[in-house]
Amino acid sequence: MSLYEKARRHAGFMAGALVIAILFVLVVERFLGHSSIAFGIAIIGLVAANARMLTFNCPTCGKNLFFRGMFVVPWPNRTCGKCGTELAPPSD
């Protein structure tokens, strides 16, 4: 599996984690009332789940696939923005 495919799977995983975090907060709000603790737990869980994002770096130059300049985006680059290395396998 290519680095790009692994990064794309991580992006999908994070989309699912975000949905679960939102549902968690909504369920706690519904049954227990407003809780900043539930929101904090959801945020800490999302940060911990997304820590793996920092491992998806270009094998040539080391630039992260999710960073576009100073911004972080939720989808990975197919081509390295720094050195131009193709990170996704060619389409059939």
C-alpha atoms as a PDB file:
ATOM      1  CA  MET A   1       0.000   0.000   0.000  1.00  0.00           C
ATOM      2  CA  SER A   2       1.399   3.393  -0.968  1.00  0.00           C
ATOM      3  CA  LEU A   3       2.049   6.197   1.473  1.00  0.00           C
ATOM      4  CA  TYR A   4      -0.757   8.196  -0.158  1.00  0.00           C
ATOM      5  CA  GLU A   5      -3.243   5.326   0.322  1.00  0.00           C
ATOM      6  CA  LYS A   6      -2.270   5.043   4.008  1.00  0.00           C
ATOM      7  CA  ALA A   7      -2.725   8.788   4.438  1.00  0.00           C
ATOM      8  CA  ARG A   8      -6.085   8.645   2.661  1.00  0.00           C
ATOM      9  CA  ARG A   9      -7.225   5.866   4.994  1.00  0.00           C
ATOM     10  CA  HIS A  10      -6.184   8.012   7.945  1.00  0.00           C
ATOM     11  CA  ALA A  11      -8.292  10.873   6.554  1.00  0.00           C
ATOM     12  CA  GLY A  12     -11.289   8.531   6.370  1.00  0.00           C
ATOM     13  CA  PHE A  13     -10.595   7.276   9.882  1.00  0.00           C
ATOM     14  CA  MET A  14     -10.514  10.862  11.146  1.00  0.00           C
ATOM     15  CA  ALA A  15     -13.833  11.654   9.436  1.00  0.00           C
ATOM     16  CA  GLY A  16     -15.370   8.706  11.293  1.00  0.00           C
ATOM     17  CA  ALA A  17     -13.728   9.753  14.559  1.00  0.00           C
ATOM     18  CA  LEU A  18     -15.177  13.252  14.139  1.00  0.00           C
ATOM     19  CA  VAL A  19     -18.684  11.844  13.642  1.00  0.00           C
ATOM     20  CA  ILE A  20     -18.297   9.663  16.740  1.00  0.00           C
ATOM     21  CA  ALA A  21     -17.015  12.611  18.806  1.00  0.00           C
ATOM     22  CA  ILE A  22     -19.973  14.766  17.742  1.00  0.00           C
ATOM     23  CA  LEU A  23     -22.443  11.983  18.531  1.00  0.00           C
ATOM     24  CA  PHE A  24     -20.781  11.445  21.923  1.00  0.00           C
ATOM     25  CA  VAL A  25     -21.208  15.113  22.843  1.00  0.00           C
ATOM     26  CA  LEU A  26     -24.812  15.144  21.576  1.00  0.00           C
ATOM     27  CA  VAL A  27     -25.740  12.033  23.567  1.00  0.00           C
ATOM     28  CA  VAL A  28     -24.175  13.398  26.761  1.00  0.00           C
ATOM     29  CA  GLU A  29     -25.957  16.743  26.225  1.00  0.00           C
ATOM     30  CA  ARG A  30     -29.270  14.960  25.670  1.00  0.00           C
ATOM     31  CA  PHE A  31     -29.159  12.682  28.705  1.00  0.00           C
ATOM     32  CA  LEU A  32     -27.015  14.569  31.233  1.00  0.00           C
ATOM     33  CA  GLY A  33     -27.388  18.188  30.171  1.00  0.00           C
ATOM     34  CA  HIS A  34     -24.670  20.579  29.104  1.00  0.00           C
ATOM     35  CA  SER A  35     -21.199  19.263  29.918  1.00  0.00           C
ATOM     36  CA  SER A  36     -17.902  20.912  29.137  1.00  0.00           C
ATOM     37  CA  ILE A  37     -16.260  17.695  30.304  1.00  0.00           C
ATOM     38  CA  ALA A  38     -17.856  15.720  27.441  1.00  0.00           C
ATOM     39  CA  PHE A  39     -16.638  18.316  24.953  1.00  0.00           C
ATOM     40  CA  GLY A  40     -13.139  18.162  26.465  1.00  0.00           C
ATOM     41  CA  ILE A  41     -13.106  14.362  26.261  1.00  0.00           C
ATOM     42  CA  ALA A  42     -14.142  14.540  22.596  1.00  0.00           C
ATOM     43  CA  ILE A  43     -11.412  17.081  21.769  1.00  0.00           C
ATOM     44  CA  ILE A  44      -8.699  15.099  23.569  1.00  0.00           C
ATOM     45  CA  GLY A  45      -9.836  11.944  21.766  1.00  0.00           C
ATOM     46  CA  LEU A  46      -9.659  13.663  18.375  1.00  0.00           C
ATOM     47  CA  VAL A  47      -6.198  15.073  19.064  1.00  0.00           C
ATOM     48  CA  ALA A  48      -4.950  11.656  20.199  1.00  0.00           C
ATOM     49  CA  ALA A  49      -6.480   9.924  17.145  1.00  0.00           C
ATOM     50  CA  ASN A  50      -4.950  12.484  14.791  1.00  0.00           C
ATOM     51  CA  ALA A  51      -1.417  12.245  16.224  1.00  0.00           C
ATOM     52  CA  ARG A  52      -0.655   9.611  13.577  1.00  0.00           C
ATOM     53  CA  MET A  53      -1.025  12.330  10.912  1.00  0.00           C
ATOM     54  CA  LEU A  54       2.476  13.538  11.686  1.00  0.00           C
ATOM     55  CA  THR A  55       3.964  10.265  10.396  1.00  0.00           C
ATOM     56  CA  PHE A  56       2.797  10.742   6.791  1.00  0.00           C
ATOM     57  CA  ASN A  57       5.847  12.484   5.311  1.00  0.00           C
ATOM     58  CA  CYS A  58       7.310  12.512   1.801  1.00  0.00           C
ATOM     59  CA  PRO A  59      10.037   9.842   1.600  1.00  0.00           C
ATOM     60  CA  THR A  60      12.231  12.181  -0.471  1.00  0.00           C
ATOM     61  CA  CYS A  61      12.129  15.515   1.369  1.00  0.00           C
ATOM     62  CA  GLY A  62      10.157  14.846   4.569  1.00  0.00           C
ATOM     63  CA  LYS A  63       7.271  17.304   3.951  1.00  0.00           C
ATOM     64  CA  ASN A  64       3.995  16.193   5.525  1.00  0.00           C
ATOM     65  CA  LEU A  65       1.242  15.151   3.096  1.00  0.00           C
ATOM     66  CA  PHE A  66      -1.469  17.032   5.024  1.00  0.00           C
ATOM     67  CA  PHE A  67       0.288  20.427   5.216  1.00  0.00           C
ATOM     68  CA  ARG A  68      -0.214  23.080   2.535  1.00  0.00           C
ATOM     69  CA  GLY A  69       2.205  25.831   3.504  1.00  0.00           C
ATOM     70  CA  MET A  70       1.224  26.880   7.013  1.00  0.00           C
ATOM     71  CA  PHE A  71      -2.240  25.305   6.777  1.00  0.00           C
ATOM     72  CA  VAL A  72      -3.320  21.740   7.623  1.00  0.00           C
ATOM     73  CA  VAL A  73      -6.031  20.224   5.447  1.00  0.00           C
ATOM     74  CA  PRO A  74      -8.052  17.021   5.991  1.00  0.00           C
ATOM     75  CA  TRP A  75      -6.930  15.314   2.746  1.00  0.00           C
ATOM     76  CA  PRO A  76      -3.405  14.281   1.687  1.00  0.00           C
ATOM     77  CA  ASN A  77      -1.408  15.504  -1.321  1.00  0.00           C
ATOM     78  CA  ARG A  78      -1.024  13.107  -4.270  1.00  0.00           C
ATOM     79  CA  THR A  79       2.181  14.895  -5.249  1.00  0.00           C
ATOM     80  CA  CYS A  80       4.649  16.408  -2.792  1.00  0.00           C
ATOM     81  CA  GLY A  81       4.287  20.181  -2.799  1.00  0.00           C
ATOM     82  CA  LYS A  82       7.966  20.689  -2.029  1.00  0.00           C
ATOM     83  CA  CYS A  83       9.950  18.269  -4.221  1.00  0.00           C
ATOM     84  CA  GLY A  84       7.280  17.039  -6.683  1.00  0.00           C
ATOM     85  CA  THR A  85       7.575  13.341  -5.802  1.00  0.00           C
ATOM     86  CA  GLU A  86       4.529  11.356  -6.948  1.00  0.00           C
ATOM     87  CA  LEU A  87       3.033   9.854  -3.765  1.00  0.00           C
ATOM     88  CA  ALA A  88       0.018   8.076  -5.259  1.00  0.00           C
ATOM     89  CA  PRO A  89       0.345   5.043  -7.515  1.00  0.00           C
ATOM     90  CA  PRO A  90      -0.588   5.629 -11.174  1.00  0.00           C
ATOM     91  CA  SER A  91      -4.290   5.076 -11.976  1.00  0.00           C
ATOM     92  CA  ASP A  92      -5.172   2.030 -14.055  1.00  0.00           C
END
